[in-house]
């Protein structure tokens, strides 16, 4: 992930934490970010998917990034676009940008 995307993802995660996501979704995101940071992309994908299925736009965006890059999941641009679209529908600016 390039530096601007990494910064945008981190900013979105921190903003979500400050806005008070439910503890379960917060834990999934934090675990996903930690797994990604240590290079365990499969675990990151599992954590982000769990939070994404609960409706968390940041997790949807992060899962889209993993599909786009083929990290922890098979590279699949259609699946990346699907997750970006879901996040964009919830107002996630990074997802909107990636779709464009």
PDB file of N, CA and C in Angstrom:
ATOM      1  N   UNK A   1       0.868  -1.174   0.000  1.00  0.00           N
ATOM      2  CA  UNK A   1       0.000   0.000   0.000  1.00  0.00           C
ATOM      3  C   UNK A   1       0.905   1.224   0.000  1.00  0.00           C
ATOM      4  N   UNK A   2       0.586   2.183  -0.849  1.00  0.00           N
ATOM      5  CA  UNK A   2       1.405   3.377  -0.899  1.00  0.00           C
ATOM      6  C   UNK A   2       1.126   4.258   0.318  1.00  0.00           C
ATOM      7  N   UNK A   3       2.014   5.209   0.540  1.00  0.00           N
ATOM      8  CA  UNK A   3       1.938   6.042   1.744  1.00  0.00           C
ATOM      9  C   UNK A   3       0.619   6.818   1.871  1.00  0.00           C
ATOM     10  N   UNK A   4       0.113   7.477   0.816  1.00  0.00           N
ATOM     11  CA  UNK A   4      -1.156   8.206   0.977  1.00  0.00           C
ATOM     12  C   UNK A   4      -2.316   7.283   1.365  1.00  0.00           C
ATOM     13  N   UNK A   5      -2.386   6.095   0.765  1.00  0.00           N
ATOM     14  CA  UNK A   5      -3.465   5.165   1.129  1.00  0.00           C
ATOM     15  C   UNK A   5      -3.306   4.689   2.568  1.00  0.00           C
ATOM     16  N   UNK A   6      -2.074   4.422   2.961  1.00  0.00           N
ATOM     17  CA  UNK A   6      -1.826   3.953   4.320  1.00  0.00           C
ATOM     18  C   UNK A   6      -2.234   5.031   5.321  1.00  0.00           C
ATOM     19  N   UNK A   7      -1.884   6.278   5.018  1.00  0.00           N
ATOM     20  CA  UNK A   7      -2.252   7.385   5.898  1.00  0.00           C
ATOM     21  C   UNK A   7      -3.758   7.576   5.938  1.00  0.00           C
ATOM     22  N   UNK A   8      -4.413   7.469   4.780  1.00  0.00           N
ATOM     23  CA  UNK A   8      -5.868   7.623   4.731  1.00  0.00           C
ATOM     24  C   UNK A   8      -6.546   6.512   5.521  1.00  0.00           C
ATOM     25  N   UNK A   9      -6.039   5.288   5.377  1.00  0.00           N
ATOM     26  CA  UNK A   9      -6.631   4.160   6.103  1.00  0.00           C
ATOM     27  C   UNK A   9      -6.447   4.342   7.606  1.00  0.00           C
ATOM     28  N   UNK A  10      -5.266   4.766   8.023  1.00  0.00           N
ATOM     29  CA  UNK A  10      -5.010   4.970   9.442  1.00  0.00           C
ATOM     30  C   UNK A  10      -5.886   6.093   9.992  1.00  0.00           C
ATOM     31  N   UNK A  11      -6.007   7.182   9.236  1.00  0.00           N
ATOM     32  CA  UNK A  11      -6.849   8.292   9.665  1.00  0.00           C
ATOM     33  C   UNK A  11      -8.293   7.838   9.829  1.00  0.00           C
ATOM     34  N   UNK A  12      -8.797   7.089   8.851  1.00  0.00           N
ATOM     35  CA  UNK A  12     -10.178   6.610   8.923  1.00  0.00           C
ATOM     36  C   UNK A  12     -10.381   5.700  10.126  1.00  0.00           C
ATOM     37  N   UNK A  13      -9.418   4.838  10.378  1.00  0.00           N
ATOM     38  CA  UNK A  13      -9.515   3.939  11.527  1.00  0.00           C
ATOM     39  C   UNK A  13      -9.557   4.738  12.823  1.00  0.00           C
ATOM     40  N   UNK A  14      -8.660   5.699  12.962  1.00  0.00           N
ATOM     41  CA  UNK A  14      -8.624   6.498  14.183  1.00  0.00           C
ATOM     42  C   UNK A  14      -9.890   7.328  14.342  1.00  0.00           C
ATOM     43  N   UNK A  15     -10.396   7.883  13.246  1.00  0.00           N
ATOM     44  CA  UNK A  15     -11.636   8.658  13.310  1.00  0.00           C
ATOM     45  C   UNK A  15     -12.782   7.771  13.777  1.00  0.00           C
ATOM     46  N   UNK A  16     -12.837   6.568  13.254  1.00  0.00           N
ATOM     47  CA  UNK A  16     -13.890   5.635  13.664  1.00  0.00           C
ATOM     48  C   UNK A  16     -13.793   5.276  15.131  1.00  0.00           C
ATOM     49  N   UNK A  17     -12.585   5.092  15.601  1.00  0.00           N
ATOM     50  CA  UNK A  17     -12.411   4.776  17.019  1.00  0.00           C
ATOM     51  C   UNK A  17     -12.876   5.935  17.891  1.00  0.00           C
ATOM     52  N   UNK A  18     -12.562   7.152  17.469  1.00  0.00           N
ATOM     53  CA  UNK A  18     -12.972   8.322  18.236  1.00  0.00           C
ATOM     54  C   UNK A  18     -14.481   8.507  18.219  1.00  0.00           C
ATOM     55  N   UNK A  19     -15.123   8.085  17.145  1.00  0.00           N
ATOM     56  CA  UNK A  19     -16.578   8.225  17.049  1.00  0.00           C
ATOM     57  C   UNK A  19     -17.313   7.114  17.795  1.00  0.00           C
ATOM     58  N   UNK A  20     -16.580   6.146  18.300  1.00  0.00           N
ATOM     59  CA  UNK A  20     -17.172   5.153  19.186  1.00  0.00           C
ATOM     60  C   UNK A  20     -17.819   3.947  18.533  1.00  0.00           C
ATOM     61  N   UNK A  21     -17.115   3.280  17.630  1.00  0.00           N
ATOM     62  CA  UNK A  21     -17.640   2.034  17.098  1.00  0.00           C
ATOM     63  C   UNK A  21     -17.880   1.081  18.247  1.00  0.00           C
ATOM     64  N   UNK A  22     -18.776   0.146  18.024  1.00  0.00           N
ATOM     65  CA  UNK A  22     -19.054  -0.878  19.031  1.00  0.00           C
ATOM     66  C   UNK A  22     -17.767  -1.643  19.329  1.00  0.00           C
ATOM     67  N   UNK A  23     -17.607  -2.126  20.566  1.00  0.00           N
ATOM     68  CA  UNK A  23     -16.373  -2.829  20.933  1.00  0.00           C
ATOM     69  C   UNK A  23     -16.034  -4.003  20.018  1.00  0.00           C
ATOM     70  N   UNK A  24     -17.038  -4.740  19.559  1.00  0.00           N
ATOM     71  CA  UNK A  24     -16.779  -5.893  18.699  1.00  0.00           C
ATOM     72  C   UNK A  24     -16.167  -5.468  17.378  1.00  0.00           C
ATOM     73  N   UNK A  25     -16.726  -4.447  16.753  1.00  0.00           N
ATOM     74  CA  UNK A  25     -16.183  -4.000  15.477  1.00  0.00           C
ATOM     75  C   UNK A  25     -14.835  -3.330  15.676  1.00  0.00           C
ATOM     76  N   UNK A  26     -14.676  -2.613  16.759  1.00  0.00           N
ATOM     77  CA  UNK A  26     -13.393  -1.974  17.062  1.00  0.00           C
ATOM     78  C   UNK A  26     -12.318  -3.037  17.216  1.00  0.00           C
ATOM     79  N   UNK A  27     -12.630  -4.099  17.934  1.00  0.00           N
ATOM     80  CA  UNK A  27     -11.658  -5.171  18.136  1.00  0.00           C
ATOM     81  C   UNK A  27     -11.283  -5.808  16.802  1.00  0.00           C
ATOM     82  N   UNK A  28     -12.269  -6.054  15.943  1.00  0.00           N
ATOM     83  CA  UNK A  28     -11.981  -6.642  14.640  1.00  0.00           C
ATOM     84  C   UNK A  28     -11.081  -5.759  13.797  1.00  0.00           C
ATOM     85  N   UNK A  29     -11.348  -4.471  13.819  1.00  0.00           N
ATOM     86  CA  UNK A  29     -10.500  -3.554  13.059  1.00  0.00           C
ATOM     87  C   UNK A  29      -9.097  -3.492  13.623  1.00  0.00           C
ATOM     88  N   UNK A  30      -8.999  -3.385  14.939  1.00  0.00           N
ATOM     89  CA  UNK A  30      -7.673  -3.317  15.561  1.00  0.00           C
ATOM     90  C   UNK A  30      -6.885  -4.598  15.313  1.00  0.00           C
ATOM     91  N   UNK A  31      -7.560  -5.737  15.422  1.00  0.00           N
ATOM     92  CA  UNK A  31      -6.889  -7.012  15.147  1.00  0.00           C
ATOM     93  C   UNK A  31      -6.461  -7.093  13.689  1.00  0.00           C
ATOM     94  N   UNK A  32      -7.318  -6.614  12.798  1.00  0.00           N
ATOM     95  CA  UNK A  32      -6.983  -6.616  11.378  1.00  0.00           C
ATOM     96  C   UNK A  32      -5.784  -5.728  11.073  1.00  0.00           C
ATOM     97  N   UNK A  33      -5.773  -4.543  11.657  1.00  0.00           N
ATOM     98  CA  UNK A  33      -4.645  -3.623  11.455  1.00  0.00           C
ATOM     99  C   UNK A  33      -3.370  -4.237  12.018  1.00  0.00           C
ATOM    100  N   UNK A  34      -3.461  -4.841  13.194  1.00  0.00           N
ATOM    101  CA  UNK A  34      -2.279  -5.471  13.801  1.00  0.00           C
ATOM    102  C   UNK A  34      -1.780  -6.634  12.941  1.00  0.00           C
ATOM    103  N   UNK A  35      -2.705  -7.447  12.441  1.00  0.00           N
ATOM    104  CA  UNK A  35      -2.316  -8.573  11.587  1.00  0.00           C
ATOM    105  C   UNK A  35      -1.647  -8.069  10.306  1.00  0.00           C
ATOM    106  N   UNK A  36      -2.217  -7.026   9.709  1.00  0.00           N
ATOM    107  CA  UNK A  36      -1.636  -6.454   8.498  1.00  0.00           C
ATOM    108  C   UNK A  36      -0.223  -5.947   8.790  1.00  0.00           C
ATOM    109  N   UNK A  37      -0.062  -5.257   9.901  1.00  0.00           N
ATOM    110  CA  UNK A  37       1.244  -4.687  10.257  1.00  0.00           C
ATOM    111  C   UNK A  37       2.307  -5.762  10.430  1.00  0.00           C
ATOM    112  N   UNK A  38       1.926  -6.929  10.921  1.00  0.00           N
ATOM    113  CA  UNK A  38       2.921  -7.997  11.105  1.00  0.00           C
ATOM    114  C   UNK A  38       3.046  -8.887   9.873  1.00  0.00           C
ATOM    115  N   UNK A  39       2.297  -8.548   8.815  1.00  0.00           N
ATOM    116  CA  UNK A  39       2.415  -9.284   7.562  1.00  0.00           C
ATOM    117  C   UNK A  39       1.538 -10.517   7.475  1.00  0.00           C
ATOM    118  N   UNK A  40       0.630 -10.700   8.409  1.00  0.00           N
ATOM    119  CA  UNK A  40      -0.292 -11.836   8.386  1.00  0.00           C
ATOM    120  C   UNK A  40      -1.570 -11.395   7.676  1.00  0.00           C
ATOM    121  N   UNK A  41      -1.497 -11.355   6.349  1.00  0.00           N
ATOM    122  CA  UNK A  41      -2.584 -10.801   5.553  1.00  0.00           C
ATOM    123  C   UNK A  41      -3.842 -11.672   5.577  1.00  0.00           C
ATOM    124  N   UNK A  42      -3.678 -12.981   5.717  1.00  0.00           N
ATOM    125  CA  UNK A  42      -4.852 -13.856   5.792  1.00  0.00           C
ATOM    126  C   UNK A  42      -5.651 -13.551   7.063  1.00  0.00           C
ATOM    127  N   UNK A  43      -4.960 -13.352   8.172  1.00  0.00           N
ATOM    128  CA  UNK A  43      -5.650 -13.005   9.424  1.00  0.00           C
ATOM    129  C   UNK A  43      -6.281 -11.622   9.308  1.00  0.00           C
ATOM    130  N   UNK A  44      -5.582 -10.696   8.669  1.00  0.00           N
ATOM    131  CA  UNK A  44      -6.137  -9.354   8.471  1.00  0.00           C
ATOM    132  C   UNK A  44      -7.429  -9.442   7.674  1.00  0.00           C
ATOM    133  N   UNK A  45      -7.426 -10.253   6.622  1.00  0.00           N
ATOM    134  CA  UNK A  45      -8.624 -10.411   5.796  1.00  0.00           C
ATOM    135  C   UNK A  45      -9.784 -10.978   6.611  1.00  0.00           C
ATOM    136  N   UNK A  46      -9.510 -11.963   7.448  1.00  0.00           N
ATOM    137  CA  UNK A  46     -10.569 -12.546   8.299  1.00  0.00           C
ATOM    138  C   UNK A  46     -11.150 -11.501   9.241  1.00  0.00           C
ATOM    139  N   UNK A  47     -10.276 -10.727   9.871  1.00  0.00           N
ATOM    140  CA  UNK A  47     -10.739  -9.710  10.828  1.00  0.00           C
ATOM    141  C   UNK A  47     -11.525  -8.603  10.131  1.00  0.00           C
ATOM    142  N   UNK A  48     -10.986  -8.130   9.003  1.00  0.00           N
ATOM    143  CA  UNK A  48     -11.687  -7.067   8.272  1.00  0.00           C
ATOM    144  C   UNK A  48     -13.025  -7.561   7.739  1.00  0.00           C
ATOM    145  N   UNK A  49     -13.071  -8.826   7.264  1.00  0.00           N
ATOM    146  CA  UNK A  49     -14.322  -9.373   6.746  1.00  0.00           C
ATOM    147  C   UNK A  49     -15.384  -9.430   7.851  1.00  0.00           C
ATOM    148  N   UNK A  50     -14.978  -9.861   9.038  1.00  0.00           N
ATOM    149  CA  UNK A  50     -15.937  -9.951  10.148  1.00  0.00           C
ATOM    150  C   UNK A  50     -16.521  -8.577  10.466  1.00  0.00           C
ATOM    151  N   UNK A  51     -15.679  -7.560  10.524  1.00  0.00           N
ATOM    152  CA  UNK A  51     -16.163  -6.209  10.806  1.00  0.00           C
ATOM    153  C   UNK A  51     -16.956  -5.654   9.623  1.00  0.00           C
ATOM    154  N   UNK A  52     -16.519  -5.962   8.403  1.00  0.00           N
ATOM    155  CA  UNK A  52     -17.229  -5.490   7.206  1.00  0.00           C
ATOM    156  C   UNK A  52     -18.646  -6.054   7.170  1.00  0.00           C
ATOM    157  N   UNK A  53     -18.785  -7.296   7.544  1.00  0.00           N
ATOM    158  CA  UNK A  53     -20.111  -7.918   7.549  1.00  0.00           C
ATOM    159  C   UNK A  53     -21.020  -7.327   8.616  1.00  0.00           C
ATOM    160  N   UNK A  54     -20.437  -6.633   9.584  1.00  0.00           N
ATOM    161  CA  UNK A  54     -21.219  -5.918  10.592  1.00  0.00           C
ATOM    162  C   UNK A  54     -21.543  -4.494  10.135  1.00  0.00           C
ATOM    163  N   UNK A  55     -21.083  -4.141   8.921  1.00  0.00           N
ATOM    164  CA  UNK A  55     -21.426  -2.839   8.360  1.00  0.00           C
ATOM    165  C   UNK A  55     -20.420  -1.735   8.564  1.00  0.00           C
ATOM    166  N   UNK A  56     -19.180  -2.056   8.905  1.00  0.00           N
ATOM    167  CA  UNK A  56     -18.154  -1.048   9.161  1.00  0.00           C
ATOM    168  C   UNK A  56     -17.451  -0.677   7.850  1.00  0.00           C
ATOM    169  N   UNK A  57     -17.647   0.564   7.424  1.00  0.00           N
ATOM    170  CA  UNK A  57     -17.116   1.028   6.143  1.00  0.00           C
ATOM    171  C   UNK A  57     -15.591   0.906   6.074  1.00  0.00           C
ATOM    172  N   UNK A  58     -14.890   1.221   7.136  1.00  0.00           N
ATOM    173  CA  UNK A  58     -13.427   1.153   7.128  1.00  0.00           C
ATOM    174  C   UNK A  58     -12.957  -0.276   6.884  1.00  0.00           C
ATOM    175  N   UNK A  59     -13.636  -1.238   7.476  1.00  0.00           N
ATOM    176  CA  UNK A  59     -13.279  -2.637   7.260  1.00  0.00           C
ATOM    177  C   UNK A  59     -13.555  -3.040   5.816  1.00  0.00           C
ATOM    178  N   UNK A  60     -14.654  -2.551   5.258  1.00  0.00           N
ATOM    179  CA  UNK A  60     -14.970  -2.824   3.855  1.00  0.00           C
ATOM    180  C   UNK A  60     -13.874  -2.275   2.952  1.00  0.00           C
ATOM    181  N   UNK A  61     -13.451  -1.056   3.228  1.00  0.00           N
ATOM    182  CA  UNK A  61     -12.381  -0.425   2.458  1.00  0.00           C
ATOM    183  C   UNK A  61     -11.089  -1.230   2.559  1.00  0.00           C
ATOM    184  N   UNK A  62     -10.722  -1.601   3.775  1.00  0.00           N
ATOM    185  CA  UNK A  62      -9.482  -2.355   3.972  1.00  0.00           C
ATOM    186  C   UNK A  62      -9.544  -3.711   3.281  1.00  0.00           C
ATOM    187  N   UNK A  63     -10.707  -4.351   3.318  1.00  0.00           N
ATOM    188  CA  UNK A  63     -10.867  -5.633   2.634  1.00  0.00           C
ATOM    189  C   UNK A  63     -10.732  -5.430   1.122  1.00  0.00           C
ATOM    190  N   UNK A  64     -11.282  -4.340   0.620  1.00  0.00           N
ATOM    191  CA  UNK A  64     -11.109  -4.013  -0.791  1.00  0.00           C
ATOM    192  C   UNK A  64      -9.644  -3.857  -1.162  1.00  0.00           C
ATOM    193  N   UNK A  65      -8.888  -3.196  -0.305  1.00  0.00           N
ATOM    194  CA  UNK A  65      -7.448  -3.042  -0.555  1.00  0.00           C
ATOM    195  C   UNK A  65      -6.754  -4.403  -0.630  1.00  0.00           C
ATOM    196  N   UNK A  66      -7.117  -5.303   0.282  1.00  0.00           N
ATOM    197  CA  UNK A  66      -6.488  -6.626   0.270  1.00  0.00           C
ATOM    198  C   UNK A  66      -6.797  -7.372  -1.025  1.00  0.00           C
ATOM    199  N   UNK A  67      -8.055  -7.305  -1.474  1.00  0.00           N
ATOM    200  CA  UNK A  67      -8.403  -7.954  -2.743  1.00  0.00           C
ATOM    201  C   UNK A  67      -7.697  -7.289  -3.919  1.00  0.00           C
ATOM    202  N   UNK A  68      -7.582  -5.975  -3.888  1.00  0.00           N
ATOM    203  CA  UNK A  68      -6.896  -5.278  -4.977  1.00  0.00           C
ATOM    204  C   UNK A  68      -5.431  -5.695  -5.056  1.00  0.00           C
ATOM    205  N   UNK A  69      -4.802  -5.842  -3.899  1.00  0.00           N
ATOM    206  CA  UNK A  69      -3.378  -6.159  -3.844  1.00  0.00           C
ATOM    207  C   UNK A  69      -3.089  -7.658  -3.845  1.00  0.00           C
ATOM    208  N   UNK A  70      -4.113  -8.471  -3.607  1.00  0.00           N
ATOM    209  CA  UNK A  70      -3.896  -9.911  -3.535  1.00  0.00           C
ATOM    210  C   UNK A  70      -3.127 -10.323  -2.295  1.00  0.00           C
ATOM    211  N   UNK A  71      -3.380  -9.638  -1.197  1.00  0.00           N
ATOM    212  CA  UNK A  71      -2.703  -9.950   0.063  1.00  0.00           C
ATOM    213  C   UNK A  71      -3.676 -10.657   0.998  1.00  0.00           C
ATOM    214  N   UNK A  72      -3.393 -11.922   1.294  1.00  0.00           N
ATOM    215  CA  UNK A  72      -4.230 -12.699   2.200  1.00  0.00           C
ATOM    216  C   UNK A  72      -5.460 -13.297   1.548  1.00  0.00           C
ATOM    217  N   UNK A  73      -5.739 -12.861   0.342  1.00  0.00           N
ATOM    218  CA  UNK A  73      -6.858 -13.347  -0.468  1.00  0.00           C
ATOM    219  C   UNK A  73      -6.368 -13.365  -1.918  1.00  0.00           C
ATOM    220  N   UNK A  74      -7.030 -14.143  -2.778  1.00  0.00           N
ATOM    221  CA  UNK A  74      -6.622 -14.097  -4.191  1.00  0.00           C
ATOM    222  C   UNK A  74      -6.886 -12.706  -4.764  1.00  0.00           C
ATOM    223  N   UNK A  75      -5.984 -12.221  -5.595  1.00  0.00           N
ATOM    224  CA  UNK A  75      -6.208 -10.916  -6.211  1.00  0.00           C
ATOM    225  C   UNK A  75      -7.455 -10.994  -7.076  1.00  0.00           C
ATOM    226  N   UNK A  76      -8.382 -10.077  -6.822  1.00  0.00           N
ATOM    227  CA  UNK A  76      -9.666 -10.100  -7.520  1.00  0.00           C
ATOM    228  C   UNK A  76     -10.187  -8.673  -7.573  1.00  0.00           C
ATOM    229  N   UNK A  77     -10.025  -8.037  -8.731  1.00  0.00           N
ATOM    230  CA  UNK A  77     -10.406  -6.635  -8.863  1.00  0.00           C
ATOM    231  C   UNK A  77     -11.916  -6.438  -8.760  1.00  0.00           C
ATOM    232  N   UNK A  78     -12.687  -7.413  -9.235  1.00  0.00           N
ATOM    233  CA  UNK A  78     -14.147  -7.302  -9.125  1.00  0.00           C
ATOM    234  C   UNK A  78     -14.581  -7.348  -7.662  1.00  0.00           C
ATOM    235  N   UNK A  79     -13.949  -8.217  -6.891  1.00  0.00           N
ATOM    236  CA  UNK A  79     -14.276  -8.311  -5.463  1.00  0.00           C
ATOM    237  C   UNK A  79     -13.809  -7.054  -4.729  1.00  0.00           C
ATOM    238  N   UNK A  80     -12.654  -6.524  -5.116  1.00  0.00           N
ATOM    239  CA  UNK A  80     -12.174  -5.271  -4.527  1.00  0.00           C
ATOM    240  C   UNK A  80     -13.186  -4.161  -4.792  1.00  0.00           C
ATOM    241  N   UNK A  81     -13.643  -4.070  -6.031  1.00  0.00           N
ATOM    242  CA  UNK A  81     -14.615  -3.035  -6.387  1.00  0.00           C
ATOM    243  C   UNK A  81     -15.914  -3.210  -5.613  1.00  0.00           C
ATOM    244  N   UNK A  82     -16.324  -4.461  -5.405  1.00  0.00           N
ATOM    245  CA  UNK A  82     -17.552  -4.725  -4.644  1.00  0.00           C
ATOM    246  C   UNK A  82     -17.438  -4.188  -3.227  1.00  0.00           C
ATOM    247  N   UNK A  83     -16.308  -4.423  -2.565  1.00  0.00           N
ATOM    248  CA  UNK A  83     -16.126  -3.935  -1.192  1.00  0.00           C
ATOM    249  C   UNK A  83     -15.952  -2.419  -1.176  1.00  0.00           C
ATOM    250  N   UNK A  84     -15.232  -1.874  -2.155  1.00  0.00           N
ATOM    251  CA  UNK A  84     -15.113  -0.420  -2.235  1.00  0.00           C
ATOM    252  C   UNK A  84     -16.489   0.219  -2.408  1.00  0.00           C
ATOM    253  N   UNK A  85     -17.320  -0.381  -3.261  1.00  0.00           N
ATOM    254  CA  UNK A  85     -18.657   0.166  -3.510  1.00  0.00           C
ATOM    255  C   UNK A  85     -19.490   0.174  -2.227  1.00  0.00           C
ATOM    256  N   UNK A  86     -19.427  -0.927  -1.469  1.00  0.00           N
ATOM    257  CA  UNK A  86     -20.175  -0.993  -0.206  1.00  0.00           C
ATOM    258  C   UNK A  86     -19.711   0.111   0.749  1.00  0.00           C
ATOM    259  N   UNK A  87     -18.393   0.291   0.845  1.00  0.00           N
ATOM    260  CA  UNK A  87     -17.856   1.327   1.731  1.00  0.00           C
ATOM    261  C   UNK A  87     -18.225   2.721   1.221  1.00  0.00           C
ATOM    262  N   UNK A  88     -18.157   2.909  -0.084  1.00  0.00           N
ATOM    263  CA  UNK A  88     -18.501   4.209  -0.675  1.00  0.00           C
ATOM    264  C   UNK A  88     -19.958   4.562  -0.408  1.00  0.00           C
ATOM    265  N   UNK A  89     -20.833   3.574  -0.463  1.00  0.00           N
ATOM    266  CA  UNK A  89     -22.252   3.809  -0.184  1.00  0.00           C
ATOM    267  C   UNK A  89     -22.479   4.287   1.252  1.00  0.00           C
ATOM    268  N   UNK A  90     -21.520   3.984   2.121  1.00  0.00           N
ATOM    269  CA  UNK A  90     -21.592   4.427   3.517  1.00  0.00           C
ATOM    270  C   UNK A  90     -20.830   5.735   3.725  1.00  0.00           C
ATOM    271  N   UNK A  91     -20.328   6.313   2.627  1.00  0.00           N
ATOM    272  CA  UNK A  91     -19.665   7.602   2.714  1.00  0.00           C
ATOM    273  C   UNK A  91     -18.161   7.571   2.878  1.00  0.00           C
ATOM    274  N   UNK A  92     -17.524   6.428   2.696  1.00  0.00           N
ATOM    275  CA  UNK A  92     -16.074   6.328   2.861  1.00  0.00           C
ATOM    276  C   UNK A  92     -15.363   6.984   1.678  1.00  0.00           C
ATOM    277  N   UNK A  93     -14.673   8.084   1.932  1.00  0.00           N
ATOM    278  CA  UNK A  93     -14.036   8.874   0.871  1.00  0.00           C
ATOM    279  C   UNK A  93     -12.934   8.097   0.134  1.00  0.00           C
ATOM    280  N   UNK A  94     -12.151   7.332   0.858  1.00  0.00           N
ATOM    281  CA  UNK A  94     -11.087   6.554   0.225  1.00  0.00           C
ATOM    282  C   UNK A  94     -11.645   5.525  -0.741  1.00  0.00           C
ATOM    283  N   UNK A  95     -12.745   4.894  -0.360  1.00  0.00           N
ATOM    284  CA  UNK A  95     -13.390   3.927  -1.240  1.00  0.00           C
ATOM    285  C   UNK A  95     -13.942   4.609  -2.485  1.00  0.00           C
ATOM    286  N   UNK A  96     -14.514   5.779  -2.291  1.00  0.00           N
ATOM    287  CA  UNK A  96     -15.030   6.546  -3.434  1.00  0.00           C
ATOM    288  C   UNK A  96     -13.886   6.860  -4.408  1.00  0.00           C
ATOM    289  N   UNK A  97     -12.757   7.266  -3.859  1.00  0.00           N
ATOM    290  CA  UNK A  97     -11.588   7.595  -4.667  1.00  0.00           C
ATOM    291  C   UNK A  97     -11.076   6.368  -5.418  1.00  0.00           C
ATOM    292  N   UNK A  98     -10.989   5.249  -4.741  1.00  0.00           N
ATOM    293  CA  UNK A  98     -10.475   4.042  -5.376  1.00  0.00           C
ATOM    294  C   UNK A  98     -11.402   3.534  -6.479  1.00  0.00           C
ATOM    295  N   UNK A  99     -12.702   3.755  -6.307  1.00  0.00           N
ATOM    296  CA  UNK A  99     -13.635   3.374  -7.362  1.00  0.00           C
ATOM    297  C   UNK A  99     -13.467   4.255  -8.598  1.00  0.00           C
ATOM    298  N   UNK A 100     -13.111   5.527  -8.353  1.00  0.00           N
ATOM    299  CA  UNK A 100     -12.937   6.474  -9.457  1.00  0.00           C
ATOM    300  C   UNK A 100     -11.697   6.162 -10.207  1.00  0.00           C
TER     301      UNK A 100
END
